[in-house]
Amino acid sequence: MVQAKTWVLIRHFEGFPKESDFELRVEQLPEPNDGEVLLEALFLSVDPYMRPFSRFRMKEGDVMIGTQVAKVIQSRNPAFPVGSHVVGRCGWRTHTVCDGTDLTPIMPDWPQDVPMSLALGTVGMPGLTAVYGIEEVLGLQGGETLLVNAAAGAVGSVVGQIAKIKGCKVVGSAGSDAKVAFLRELGFDEAFNYKTVGSLEEALKKAAPDGYDCYFENVGGHFSSVAVPQMKDFGRIAVCGCISLYNDTVPQTGPYPHLTMIVKQLKMEGFMQSRWEHKHPESLKRLMAWVQEGKLQRREHVTLGFEKMPSAFMGLLQGDNLGKALVKV
């Protein structure tokens, strides 16, 4: 019998998450039945979506939602041999018994010199989100100007680099000077710290005086209200996240963008990467190729220890991470 540690959401978040919203539990797992496997988590992802999704995809007492890279340590399912690695939506657990549903085998030709943790980041869900936001939603073309906020995070940093691969001008906003320096290392044409600029409006105008063709939205709220009026006519906006709103107890209100959107004839579309799941294998190969060619740089913010899952999650929500936030078991 294997013992699994799990983090359970014992009460729904009210405002910013607290340590007391979580409880660490231990459970005894049964031996795998026919068709089942036993997984051992190696890396667990912490992502902003967990905050809003926990409200409508979980009930109190559930194991926290989330994705992990895991190793198969027992198997009665030929599709997942012992010693193989998978990405699984297993939640915040050290060990899992499952029938293989919601498991994705790690690419069989995964290079030995590429950390497997990237399957939760640049060559995983965040990378796919960047690809589809740029190609399927924005239809970004060479020579255009792209704005991305939360640009030093797991998604934003890949967005900016893919846009550079496509021959675009890229402007990134981030929340610390260290993050701005990181964006410059990645090749962003312009980058600024939104917390220290005197005027966000002026910073955006200075970075792109002629305006923005495309805007990859990760933040929402005040930033969006200032950015939308600086779009060019027929500009496109991909709404991936709105982290500035996730912890509000009272919903933010206006100003509202409708008149600007009408006059400038803007297109704004929300999306999730799962819409293009049928393209994942090909898209992951492209991301891996860019990594190996040195066209996609990556940074990981790794917290050691399963016991630190809640603190890693809360740190992510307050912007402590530079690059992809992970927990290594």
C-alpha atoms as a PDB file:
ATOM      1  CA  MET A   1       0.000   0.000   0.000  1.00  0.00           C
ATOM      2  CA  VAL A   2       1.281   3.443  -0.973  1.00  0.00           C
ATOM      3  CA  GLN A   3       0.590   6.552   1.046  1.00  0.00           C
ATOM      4  CA  ALA A   4      -0.378   9.659  -0.909  1.00  0.00           C
ATOM      5  CA  LYS A   5      -0.143  13.186   0.399  1.00  0.00           C
ATOM      6  CA  THR A   6      -2.830  15.533  -0.880  1.00  0.00           C
ATOM      7  CA  TRP A   7      -3.697  19.191  -0.476  1.00  0.00           C
ATOM      8  CA  VAL A   8      -7.432  19.696  -0.001  1.00  0.00           C
ATOM      9  CA  LEU A   9      -9.410  22.918  -0.393  1.00  0.00           C
ATOM     10  CA  ILE A  10     -11.325  22.995   2.886  1.00  0.00           C
ATOM     11  CA  ARG A  11     -13.049  26.320   2.169  1.00  0.00           C
ATOM     12  CA  HIS A  12     -13.549  28.349  -0.977  1.00  0.00           C
ATOM     13  CA  PHE A  13     -11.310  31.388  -1.264  1.00  0.00           C
ATOM     14  CA  GLU A  14     -12.673  34.727  -0.138  1.00  0.00           C
ATOM     15  CA  GLY A  15     -10.344  37.375  -1.466  1.00  0.00           C
ATOM     16  CA  PHE A  16      -6.681  36.403  -1.543  1.00  0.00           C
ATOM     17  CA  PRO A  17      -6.068  32.721  -0.660  1.00  0.00           C
ATOM     18  CA  LYS A  18      -4.848  31.897   2.863  1.00  0.00           C
ATOM     19  CA  GLU A  19      -2.914  28.963   4.302  1.00  0.00           C
ATOM     20  CA  SER A  20      -5.997  28.139   6.368  1.00  0.00           C
ATOM     21  CA  ASP A  21      -7.997  27.494   3.167  1.00  0.00           C
ATOM     22  CA  PHE A  22      -5.921  24.340   2.605  1.00  0.00           C
ATOM     23  CA  GLU A  23      -5.349  21.129   4.547  1.00  0.00           C
ATOM     24  CA  LEU A  24      -2.602  18.552   4.024  1.00  0.00           C
ATOM     25  CA  ARG A  25      -3.986  15.007   4.229  1.00  0.00           C
ATOM     26  CA  VAL A  26      -2.597  11.499   3.878  1.00  0.00           C
ATOM     27  CA  GLU A  27      -4.514   8.629   2.276  1.00  0.00           C
ATOM     28  CA  GLN A  28      -3.791   4.974   1.615  1.00  0.00           C
ATOM     29  CA  LEU A  29      -3.986   4.050  -2.058  1.00  0.00           C
ATOM     30  CA  PRO A  30      -5.156   0.629  -3.267  1.00  0.00           C
ATOM     31  CA  GLU A  31      -3.107  -1.538  -5.596  1.00  0.00           C
ATOM     32  CA  PRO A  32      -3.826  -0.785  -9.271  1.00  0.00           C
ATOM     33  CA  ASN A  33      -6.529  -2.929 -10.877  1.00  0.00           C
ATOM     34  CA  ASP A  34      -6.491  -4.124 -14.481  1.00  0.00           C
ATOM     35  CA  GLY A  35      -6.128  -1.100 -16.748  1.00  0.00           C
ATOM     36  CA  GLU A  36      -4.848   1.140 -13.960  1.00  0.00           C
ATOM     37  CA  VAL A  37      -1.496   2.698 -13.102  1.00  0.00           C
ATOM     38  CA  LEU A  38       0.170   4.112 -10.002  1.00  0.00           C
ATOM     39  CA  LEU A  39       1.851   7.483 -10.537  1.00  0.00           C
ATOM     40  CA  GLU A  40       4.456   9.317  -8.492  1.00  0.00           C
ATOM     41  CA  ALA A  41       4.556  13.084  -8.957  1.00  0.00           C
ATOM     42  CA  LEU A  42       7.890  14.683  -9.888  1.00  0.00           C
ATOM     43  CA  PHE A  43       6.823  18.269 -10.639  1.00  0.00           C
ATOM     44  CA  LEU A  44       3.529  20.022  -9.944  1.00  0.00           C
ATOM     45  CA  SER A  45       2.344  23.146 -11.694  1.00  0.00           C
ATOM     46  CA  VAL A  46       0.898  26.208  -9.994  1.00  0.00           C
ATOM     47  CA  ASP A  47      -1.079  28.423 -12.357  1.00  0.00           C
ATOM     48  CA  PRO A  48      -3.275  31.525 -12.060  1.00  0.00           C
ATOM     49  CA  TYR A  49      -6.330  29.709 -13.496  1.00  0.00           C
ATOM     50  CA  MET A  50      -6.541  27.631 -10.311  1.00  0.00           C
ATOM     51  CA  ARG A  51      -7.860  30.647  -8.412  1.00  0.00           C
ATOM     52  CA  PRO A  52     -11.028  31.328 -10.482  1.00  0.00           C
ATOM     53  CA  PHE A  53     -11.560  27.725 -11.623  1.00  0.00           C
ATOM     54  CA  SER A  54     -11.576  26.459  -8.039  1.00  0.00           C
ATOM     55  CA  ARG A  55     -14.823  28.343  -7.503  1.00  0.00           C
ATOM     56  CA  PHE A  56     -16.823  26.615 -10.233  1.00  0.00           C
ATOM     57  CA  ARG A  57     -14.975  23.330 -10.764  1.00  0.00           C
ATOM     58  CA  MET A  58     -14.477  22.311  -7.141  1.00  0.00           C
ATOM     59  CA  LYS A  59     -16.425  21.867  -3.966  1.00  0.00           C
ATOM     60  CA  GLU A  60     -15.041  22.236  -0.478  1.00  0.00           C
ATOM     61  CA  GLY A  61     -13.204  19.063   0.524  1.00  0.00           C
ATOM     62  CA  ASP A  62     -11.880  18.317  -2.978  1.00  0.00           C
ATOM     63  CA  VAL A  63      -8.198  17.876  -3.753  1.00  0.00           C
ATOM     64  CA  MET A  64      -6.919  21.083  -5.366  1.00  0.00           C
ATOM     65  CA  ILE A  65      -7.011  21.009  -9.154  1.00  0.00           C
ATOM     66  CA  GLY A  66      -3.784  21.032 -11.132  1.00  0.00           C
ATOM     67  CA  THR A  67      -1.406  19.309 -13.499  1.00  0.00           C
ATOM     68  CA  GLN A  68       1.778  17.378 -12.829  1.00  0.00           C
ATOM     69  CA  VAL A  69       4.606  15.509 -14.486  1.00  0.00           C
ATOM     70  CA  ALA A  70       4.598  12.027 -12.979  1.00  0.00           C
ATOM     71  CA  LYS A  71       6.442   8.732 -13.295  1.00  0.00           C
ATOM     72  CA  VAL A  72       4.610   5.423 -13.695  1.00  0.00           C
ATOM     73  CA  ILE A  73       5.816   3.225 -10.801  1.00  0.00           C
ATOM     74  CA  GLN A  74       3.259   0.404 -11.141  1.00  0.00           C
ATOM     75  CA  SER A  75       1.214  -0.450 -14.206  1.00  0.00           C
ATOM     76  CA  ARG A  76      -1.510  -2.796 -15.285  1.00  0.00           C
ATOM     77  CA  ASN A  77      -2.136  -0.730 -18.398  1.00  0.00           C
ATOM     78  CA  PRO A  78       0.056  -1.502 -21.425  1.00  0.00           C
ATOM     79  CA  ALA A  79      -0.296   2.049 -22.725  1.00  0.00           C
ATOM     80  CA  PHE A  80       1.694   3.310 -19.710  1.00  0.00           C
ATOM     81  CA  PRO A  81       4.661   1.033 -18.932  1.00  0.00           C
ATOM     82  CA  VAL A  82       6.575   1.242 -15.656  1.00  0.00           C
ATOM     83  CA  GLY A  83       9.256   3.922 -15.862  1.00  0.00           C
ATOM     84  CA  SER A  84       7.434   6.025 -18.444  1.00  0.00           C
ATOM     85  CA  HIS A  85       6.473   9.633 -17.753  1.00  0.00           C
ATOM     86  CA  VAL A  86       3.154  11.396 -18.223  1.00  0.00           C
ATOM     87  CA  VAL A  87       1.463  14.747 -17.822  1.00  0.00           C
ATOM     88  CA  GLY A  88      -1.682  14.245 -15.775  1.00  0.00           C
ATOM     89  CA  ARG A  89      -4.515  16.342 -14.393  1.00  0.00           C
ATOM     90  CA  CYS A  90      -4.172  14.637 -11.031  1.00  0.00           C
ATOM     91  CA  GLY A  91      -4.388  17.677  -8.773  1.00  0.00           C
ATOM     92  CA  TRP A  92      -2.209  18.415  -5.769  1.00  0.00           C
ATOM     93  CA  ARG A  93      -1.218  14.817  -4.967  1.00  0.00           C
ATOM     94  CA  THR A  94       2.104  13.016  -4.536  1.00  0.00           C
ATOM     95  CA  HIS A  95       0.692   9.675  -5.773  1.00  0.00           C
ATOM     96  CA  THR A  96      -2.319   8.747  -7.874  1.00  0.00           C
ATOM     97  CA  VAL A  97      -4.040   5.537  -8.971  1.00  0.00           C
ATOM     98  CA  CYS A  98      -5.969   6.073 -12.210  1.00  0.00           C
ATOM     99  CA  ASP A  99      -7.108   4.312 -15.375  1.00  0.00           C
ATOM    100  CA  GLY A 100      -5.105   6.474 -17.787  1.00  0.00           C
ATOM    101  CA  THR A 101      -7.904   8.920 -18.554  1.00  0.00           C
ATOM    102  CA  ASP A 102      -6.550  12.476 -18.623  1.00  0.00           C
ATOM    103  CA  LEU A 103      -2.970  11.211 -18.900  1.00  0.00           C
ATOM    104  CA  THR A 104      -0.765  12.330 -21.781  1.00  0.00           C
ATOM    105  CA  PRO A 105       2.485  10.443 -22.351  1.00  0.00           C
ATOM    106  CA  ILE A 106       5.561  12.657 -22.457  1.00  0.00           C
ATOM    107  CA  MET A 107       6.830  12.932 -26.049  1.00  0.00           C
ATOM    108  CA  PRO A 108       8.674   9.638 -26.729  1.00  0.00           C
ATOM    109  CA  ASP A 109      11.651  11.469 -28.227  1.00  0.00           C
ATOM    110  CA  TRP A 110      11.936  14.001 -25.389  1.00  0.00           C
ATOM    111  CA  PRO A 111      15.604  15.163 -25.486  1.00  0.00           C
ATOM    112  CA  GLN A 112      17.722  14.133 -22.510  1.00  0.00           C
ATOM    113  CA  ASP A 113      19.221  17.615 -22.215  1.00  0.00           C
ATOM    114  CA  VAL A 114      15.791  19.302 -21.866  1.00  0.00           C
ATOM    115  CA  PRO A 115      14.301  19.279 -18.345  1.00  0.00           C
ATOM    116  CA  MET A 116      11.074  17.288 -18.200  1.00  0.00           C
ATOM    117  CA  SER A 117       9.556  20.077 -16.103  1.00  0.00           C
ATOM    118  CA  LEU A 118       9.168  22.026 -19.361  1.00  0.00           C
ATOM    119  CA  ALA A 119       6.184  19.763 -20.108  1.00  0.00           C
ATOM    120  CA  LEU A 120       4.337  21.975 -17.605  1.00  0.00           C
ATOM    121  CA  GLY A 121       5.649  25.203 -19.114  1.00  0.00           C
ATOM    122  CA  THR A 122       7.232  26.181 -22.399  1.00  0.00           C
ATOM    123  CA  VAL A 123       6.546  22.773 -23.982  1.00  0.00           C
ATOM    124  CA  GLY A 124       3.215  22.337 -22.231  1.00  0.00           C
ATOM    125  CA  MET A 125      -0.023  24.143 -21.491  1.00  0.00           C
ATOM    126  CA  PRO A 126       1.472  27.666 -21.191  1.00  0.00           C
ATOM    127  CA  GLY A 127       3.400  27.251 -24.451  1.00  0.00           C
ATOM    128  CA  LEU A 128       0.314  25.944 -26.214  1.00  0.00           C
ATOM    129  CA  THR A 129      -1.682  28.889 -24.874  1.00  0.00           C
ATOM    130  CA  ALA A 130       0.877  31.266 -26.353  1.00  0.00           C
ATOM    131  CA  VAL A 131       0.867  29.523 -29.750  1.00  0.00           C
ATOM    132  CA  TYR A 132      -2.901  29.432 -30.125  1.00  0.00           C
ATOM    133  CA  GLY A 133      -3.429  32.939 -28.800  1.00  0.00           C
ATOM    134  CA  ILE A 134      -0.981  34.299 -31.356  1.00  0.00           C
ATOM    135  CA  GLU A 135      -1.881  32.147 -34.345  1.00  0.00           C
ATOM    136  CA  GLU A 136      -5.531  31.171 -33.943  1.00  0.00           C
ATOM    137  CA  VAL A 137      -6.981  34.172 -32.110  1.00  0.00           C
ATOM    138  CA  LEU A 138      -4.798  37.137 -33.074  1.00  0.00           C
ATOM    139  CA  GLY A 139      -3.582  35.952 -36.464  1.00  0.00           C
ATOM    140  CA  LEU A 140      -0.378  37.881 -35.783  1.00  0.00           C
ATOM    141  CA  GLN A 141       1.530  38.859 -38.932  1.00  0.00           C
ATOM    142  CA  GLY A 142       5.158  39.816 -39.451  1.00  0.00           C
ATOM    143  CA  GLY A 143       5.810  43.527 -39.012  1.00  0.00           C
ATOM    144  CA  GLU A 144       2.916  44.065 -36.601  1.00  0.00           C
ATOM    145  CA  THR A 145       3.225  45.444 -33.071  1.00  0.00           C
ATOM    146  CA  LEU A 146       2.170  43.246 -30.139  1.00  0.00           C
ATOM    147  CA  LEU A 147       1.537  44.239 -26.527  1.00  0.00           C
ATOM    148  CA  VAL A 148       1.633  41.567 -23.819  1.00  0.00           C
ATOM    149  CA  ASN A 149       1.222  42.121 -20.080  1.00  0.00           C
ATOM    150  CA  ALA A 150       2.329  39.793 -17.263  1.00  0.00           C
ATOM    151  CA  ALA A 151       5.055  39.326 -19.854  1.00  0.00           C
ATOM    152  CA  ALA A 152       7.611  37.651 -17.568  1.00  0.00           C
ATOM    153  CA  GLY A 153       5.225  34.849 -16.618  1.00  0.00           C
ATOM    154  CA  ALA A 154       4.894  31.349 -18.022  1.00  0.00           C
ATOM    155  CA  VAL A 155       2.599  32.381 -20.899  1.00  0.00           C
ATOM    156  CA  GLY A 156       3.656  35.975 -21.511  1.00  0.00           C
ATOM    157  CA  SER A 157       7.362  35.192 -21.873  1.00  0.00           C
ATOM    158  CA  VAL A 158       6.601  32.608 -24.571  1.00  0.00           C
ATOM    159  CA  VAL A 159       4.139  34.947 -26.300  1.00  0.00           C
ATOM    160  CA  GLY A 160       6.775  37.620 -26.710  1.00  0.00           C
ATOM    161  CA  GLN A 161       9.411  35.236 -28.023  1.00  0.00           C
ATOM    162  CA  ILE A 162       7.086  33.625 -30.570  1.00  0.00           C
ATOM    163  CA  ALA A 163       6.094  37.083 -31.765  1.00  0.00           C
ATOM    164  CA  LYS A 164       9.794  37.882 -32.296  1.00  0.00           C
ATOM    165  CA  ILE A 165      10.218  34.616 -34.219  1.00  0.00           C
ATOM    166  CA  LYS A 166       7.420  35.859 -36.478  1.00  0.00           C
ATOM    167  CA  GLY A 167       9.164  39.178 -37.088  1.00  0.00           C
ATOM    168  CA  CYS A 168       7.042  41.470 -34.931  1.00  0.00           C
ATOM    169  CA  LYS A 169       7.727  44.382 -32.615  1.00  0.00           C
ATOM    170  CA  VAL A 170       7.020  43.289 -29.029  1.00  0.00           C
ATOM    171  CA  VAL A 171       6.204  45.475 -26.038  1.00  0.00           C
ATOM    172  CA  GLY A 172       6.039  43.812 -22.621  1.00  0.00           C
ATOM    173  CA  SER A 173       4.852  44.961 -19.232  1.00  0.00           C
ATOM    174  CA  ALA A 174       5.944  43.333 -15.964  1.00  0.00           C
ATOM    175  CA  GLY A 175       5.905  44.091 -12.243  1.00  0.00           C
ATOM    176  CA  SER A 176       9.570  44.402 -11.231  1.00  0.00           C
ATOM    177  CA  ASP A 177      12.847  45.706 -12.592  1.00  0.00           C
ATOM    178  CA  ALA A 178      14.278  42.171 -12.536  1.00  0.00           C
ATOM    179  CA  LYS A 179      11.414  40.996 -14.719  1.00  0.00           C
ATOM    180  CA  VAL A 180      11.931  43.887 -17.130  1.00  0.00           C
ATOM    181  CA  ALA A 181      15.613  42.950 -17.399  1.00  0.00           C
ATOM    182  CA  PHE A 182      14.545  39.367 -18.158  1.00  0.00           C
ATOM    183  CA  LEU A 183      12.255  40.567 -20.959  1.00  0.00           C
ATOM    184  CA  ARG A 184      15.132  42.492 -22.503  1.00  0.00           C
ATOM    185  CA  GLU A 185      17.254  39.324 -22.347  1.00  0.00           C
ATOM    186  CA  LEU A 186      14.493  37.562 -24.285  1.00  0.00           C
ATOM    187  CA  GLY A 187      14.654  40.147 -27.060  1.00  0.00           C
ATOM    188  CA  PHE A 188      11.565  42.250 -26.327  1.00  0.00           C
ATOM    189  CA  ASP A 189      11.829  45.536 -28.195  1.00  0.00           C
ATOM    190  CA  GLU A 190      10.366  47.544 -25.329  1.00  0.00           C
ATOM    191  CA  ALA A 191       9.697  46.601 -21.705  1.00  0.00           C
ATOM    192  CA  PHE A 192       8.640  48.572 -18.638  1.00  0.00           C
ATOM    193  CA  ASN A 193       7.705  48.115 -14.980  1.00  0.00           C
ATOM    194  CA  TYR A 194       4.055  49.089 -14.720  1.00  0.00           C
ATOM    195  CA  LYS A 195       4.411  49.611 -10.957  1.00  0.00           C
ATOM    196  CA  THR A 196       7.017  52.369 -11.256  1.00  0.00           C
ATOM    197  CA  VAL A 197       6.129  54.269 -14.431  1.00  0.00           C
ATOM    198  CA  GLY A 198       4.608  57.638 -13.712  1.00  0.00           C
ATOM    199  CA  SER A 199       1.804  57.079 -16.221  1.00  0.00           C
ATOM    200  CA  LEU A 200       0.808  53.741 -17.732  1.00  0.00           C
ATOM    201  CA  GLU A 201      -0.798  55.575 -20.643  1.00  0.00           C
ATOM    202  CA  GLU A 202       2.401  57.476 -21.394  1.00  0.00           C
ATOM    203  CA  ALA A 203       4.551  54.349 -21.040  1.00  0.00           C
ATOM    204  CA  LEU A 204       2.405  52.533 -23.597  1.00  0.00           C
ATOM    205  CA  LYS A 205       2.476  55.490 -25.977  1.00  0.00           C
ATOM    206  CA  LYS A 206       6.226  55.880 -25.676  1.00  0.00           C
ATOM    207  CA  ALA A 207       6.787  52.162 -26.365  1.00  0.00           C
ATOM    208  CA  ALA A 208       4.625  52.205 -29.511  1.00  0.00           C
ATOM    209  CA  PRO A 209       3.711  55.748 -30.654  1.00  0.00           C
ATOM    210  CA  ASP A 210       1.698  54.418 -33.597  1.00  0.00           C
ATOM    211  CA  GLY A 211      -0.364  52.074 -31.428  1.00  0.00           C
ATOM    212  CA  TYR A 212      -0.798  48.308 -31.239  1.00  0.00           C
ATOM    213  CA  ASP A 213      -2.057  45.861 -33.837  1.00  0.00           C
ATOM    214  CA  CYS A 214      -2.444  43.039 -31.301  1.00  0.00           C
ATOM    215  CA  TYR A 215      -2.799  42.804 -27.528  1.00  0.00           C
ATOM    216  CA  PHE A 216      -2.329  39.567 -25.568  1.00  0.00           C
ATOM    217  CA  GLU A 217      -4.291  40.153 -22.372  1.00  0.00           C
ATOM    218  CA  ASN A 218      -3.276  38.408 -19.135  1.00  0.00           C
ATOM    219  CA  VAL A 219      -4.155  41.031 -16.539  1.00  0.00           C
ATOM    220  CA  GLY A 220      -7.460  42.831 -17.148  1.00  0.00           C
ATOM    221  CA  GLY A 221      -8.740  45.633 -14.928  1.00  0.00           C
ATOM    222  CA  HIS A 222      -7.091  49.055 -15.056  1.00  0.00           C
ATOM    223  CA  PHE A 223      -4.330  47.941 -17.433  1.00  0.00           C
ATOM    224  CA  SER A 224      -6.891  46.875 -20.008  1.00  0.00           C
ATOM    225  CA  SER A 225      -8.833  50.117 -19.657  1.00  0.00           C
ATOM    226  CA  VAL A 226      -5.676  52.070 -20.496  1.00  0.00           C
ATOM    227  CA  ALA A 227      -4.414  49.743 -23.236  1.00  0.00           C
ATOM    228  CA  VAL A 228      -7.554  49.271 -25.338  1.00  0.00           C
ATOM    229  CA  PRO A 229      -7.746  52.939 -26.456  1.00  0.00           C
ATOM    230  CA  GLN A 230      -4.200  52.601 -27.816  1.00  0.00           C
ATOM    231  CA  MET A 231      -5.096  49.855 -30.250  1.00  0.00           C
ATOM    232  CA  LYS A 232      -4.877  50.616 -33.961  1.00  0.00           C
ATOM    233  CA  ASP A 233      -8.019  50.467 -36.088  1.00  0.00           C
ATOM    234  CA  PHE A 234      -9.062  46.835 -36.644  1.00  0.00           C
ATOM    235  CA  GLY A 235      -6.800  45.730 -33.781  1.00  0.00           C
ATOM    236  CA  ARG A 236      -7.180  42.261 -32.264  1.00  0.00           C
ATOM    237  CA  ILE A 237      -7.190  41.368 -28.568  1.00  0.00           C
ATOM    238  CA  ALA A 238      -6.719  37.826 -27.218  1.00  0.00           C
ATOM    239  CA  VAL A 239      -8.071  37.515 -23.676  1.00  0.00           C
ATOM    240  CA  CYS A 240      -6.129  34.772 -21.932  1.00  0.00           C
ATOM    241  CA  GLY A 241      -6.357  35.865 -18.300  1.00  0.00           C
ATOM    242  CA  CYS A 242      -7.367  38.631 -15.917  1.00  0.00           C
ATOM    243  CA  ILE A 243      -5.200  38.044 -12.854  1.00  0.00           C
ATOM    244  CA  SER A 244      -5.860  41.527 -11.483  1.00  0.00           C
ATOM    245  CA  LEU A 245      -9.497  40.499 -10.878  1.00  0.00           C
ATOM    246  CA  TYR A 246      -9.155  36.984  -9.466  1.00  0.00           C
ATOM    247  CA  ASN A 247      -8.974  37.926  -5.789  1.00  0.00           C
ATOM    248  CA  ASP A 248     -11.568  40.705  -5.770  1.00  0.00           C
ATOM    249  CA  THR A 249     -14.354  40.388  -3.222  1.00  0.00           C
ATOM    250  CA  VAL A 250     -16.227  43.285  -4.874  1.00  0.00           C
ATOM    251  CA  PRO A 251     -16.266  43.212  -8.712  1.00  0.00           C
ATOM    252  CA  GLN A 252     -14.378  46.048 -10.392  1.00  0.00           C
ATOM    253  CA  THR A 253     -16.396  48.387 -12.581  1.00  0.00           C
ATOM    254  CA  GLY A 254     -15.596  50.452 -15.704  1.00  0.00           C
ATOM    255  CA  PRO A 255     -14.523  52.378 -17.594  1.00  0.00           C
ATOM    256  CA  TYR A 256     -16.114  50.318 -20.316  1.00  0.00           C
ATOM    257  CA  PRO A 257     -14.470  49.791 -23.724  1.00  0.00           C
ATOM    258  CA  HIS A 258     -17.509  49.510 -25.971  1.00  0.00           C
ATOM    259  CA  LEU A 259     -17.370  52.878 -27.733  1.00  0.00           C
ATOM    260  CA  THR A 260     -13.632  52.527 -28.378  1.00  0.00           C
ATOM    261  CA  MET A 261     -14.216  49.050 -29.773  1.00  0.00           C
ATOM    262  CA  ILE A 262     -16.930  50.345 -32.099  1.00  0.00           C
ATOM    263  CA  VAL A 263     -14.996  53.368 -33.376  1.00  0.00           C
ATOM    264  CA  LYS A 264     -11.745  51.427 -33.857  1.00  0.00           C
ATOM    265  CA  GLN A 265     -13.621  48.290 -35.017  1.00  0.00           C
ATOM    266  CA  LEU A 266     -11.667  46.088 -32.613  1.00  0.00           C
ATOM    267  CA  LYS A 267     -11.967  42.334 -32.198  1.00  0.00           C
ATOM    268  CA  MET A 268     -11.707  40.869 -28.674  1.00  0.00           C
ATOM    269  CA  GLU A 269     -11.884  37.116 -28.081  1.00  0.00           C
ATOM    270  CA  GLY A 270     -11.493  34.998 -24.964  1.00  0.00           C
ATOM    271  CA  PHE A 271      -9.944  31.560 -25.359  1.00  0.00           C
ATOM    272  CA  MET A 272      -8.509  28.468 -23.717  1.00  0.00           C
ATOM    273  CA  GLN A 273      -5.887  26.241 -25.302  1.00  0.00           C
ATOM    274  CA  SER A 274      -8.090  23.139 -25.010  1.00  0.00           C
ATOM    275  CA  ARG A 275     -10.136  24.372 -28.002  1.00  0.00           C
ATOM    276  CA  TRP A 276      -7.300  23.260 -30.287  1.00  0.00           C
ATOM    277  CA  GLU A 277      -6.468  19.996 -28.522  1.00  0.00           C
ATOM    278  CA  HIS A 278      -6.407  18.225 -31.884  1.00  0.00           C
ATOM    279  CA  LYS A 279      -3.356  20.330 -32.775  1.00  0.00           C
ATOM    280  CA  HIS A 280      -1.408  19.668 -29.575  1.00  0.00           C
ATOM    281  CA  PRO A 281       1.014  16.990 -30.890  1.00  0.00           C
ATOM    282  CA  GLU A 282       2.162  19.139 -33.806  1.00  0.00           C
ATOM    283  CA  SER A 283       2.263  22.302 -31.689  1.00  0.00           C
ATOM    284  CA  LEU A 284       4.351  20.646 -28.962  1.00  0.00           C
ATOM    285  CA  LYS A 285       6.858  19.482 -31.573  1.00  0.00           C
ATOM    286  CA  ARG A 286       7.182  23.049 -32.859  1.00  0.00           C
ATOM    287  CA  LEU A 287       7.703  24.393 -29.340  1.00  0.00           C
ATOM    288  CA  MET A 288      10.347  21.757 -28.621  1.00  0.00           C
ATOM    289  CA  ALA A 289      12.121  22.555 -31.890  1.00  0.00           C
ATOM    290  CA  TRP A 290      12.245  26.259 -30.984  1.00  0.00           C
ATOM    291  CA  VAL A 291      13.669  25.362 -27.561  1.00  0.00           C
ATOM    292  CA  GLN A 292      16.382  23.184 -29.103  1.00  0.00           C
ATOM    293  CA  GLU A 293      17.201  25.829 -31.694  1.00  0.00           C
ATOM    294  CA  GLY A 294      17.670  28.412 -28.949  1.00  0.00           C
ATOM    295  CA  LYS A 295      14.764  30.519 -30.196  1.00  0.00           C
ATOM    296  CA  LEU A 296      12.720  29.978 -27.020  1.00  0.00           C
ATOM    297  CA  GLN A 297      14.517  30.758 -23.771  1.00  0.00           C
ATOM    298  CA  ARG A 298      12.871  29.655 -20.554  1.00  0.00           C
ATOM    299  CA  ARG A 299      13.065  30.482 -16.882  1.00  0.00           C
ATOM    300  CA  GLU A 300      11.577  28.386 -14.093  1.00  0.00           C
ATOM    301  CA  HIS A 301      10.679  29.460 -10.564  1.00  0.00           C
ATOM    302  CA  VAL A 302      10.997  26.197  -8.639  1.00  0.00           C
ATOM    303  CA  THR A 303       9.813  25.686  -5.053  1.00  0.00           C
ATOM    304  CA  LEU A 304      11.160  22.571  -3.325  1.00  0.00           C
ATOM    305  CA  GLY A 305       8.787  20.359  -1.343  1.00  0.00           C
ATOM    306  CA  PHE A 306       5.188  19.216  -1.750  1.00  0.00           C
ATOM    307  CA  GLU A 307       4.396  20.743   1.641  1.00  0.00           C
ATOM    308  CA  LYS A 308       4.945  24.183   0.096  1.00  0.00           C
ATOM    309  CA  MET A 309       2.223  23.927  -2.566  1.00  0.00           C
ATOM    310  CA  PRO A 310      -0.042  26.575  -0.975  1.00  0.00           C
ATOM    311  CA  SER A 311       2.785  29.070  -0.431  1.00  0.00           C
ATOM    312  CA  ALA A 312       4.008  28.554  -4.005  1.00  0.00           C
ATOM    313  CA  PHE A 313       0.471  29.156  -5.289  1.00  0.00           C
ATOM    314  CA  MET A 314       0.009  32.307  -3.223  1.00  0.00           C
ATOM    315  CA  GLY A 315       3.442  33.549  -4.264  1.00  0.00           C
ATOM    316  CA  LEU A 316       2.433  33.139  -7.903  1.00  0.00           C
ATOM    317  CA  LEU A 317      -0.725  35.198  -7.375  1.00  0.00           C
ATOM    318  CA  GLN A 318       1.269  38.056  -5.868  1.00  0.00           C
ATOM    319  CA  GLY A 319       3.865  37.995  -8.646  1.00  0.00           C
ATOM    320  CA  ASP A 320       6.836  36.391  -6.900  1.00  0.00           C
ATOM    321  CA  ASN A 321       7.679  34.146  -9.863  1.00  0.00           C
ATOM    322  CA  LEU A 322       9.877  34.920 -12.826  1.00  0.00           C
ATOM    323  CA  GLY A 323       8.923  32.469 -15.550  1.00  0.00           C
ATOM    324  CA  LYS A 324       7.020  29.245 -14.925  1.00  0.00           C
ATOM    325  CA  ALA A 325       6.119  28.502 -11.300  1.00  0.00           C
ATOM    326  CA  LEU A 326       6.626  24.864 -10.295  1.00  0.00           C
ATOM    327  CA  VAL A 327       6.894  22.712  -7.206  1.00  0.00           C
ATOM    328  CA  LYS A 328       9.457  19.923  -7.216  1.00  0.00           C
ATOM    329  CA  VAL A 329       8.444  17.022  -4.993  1.00  0.00           C
END
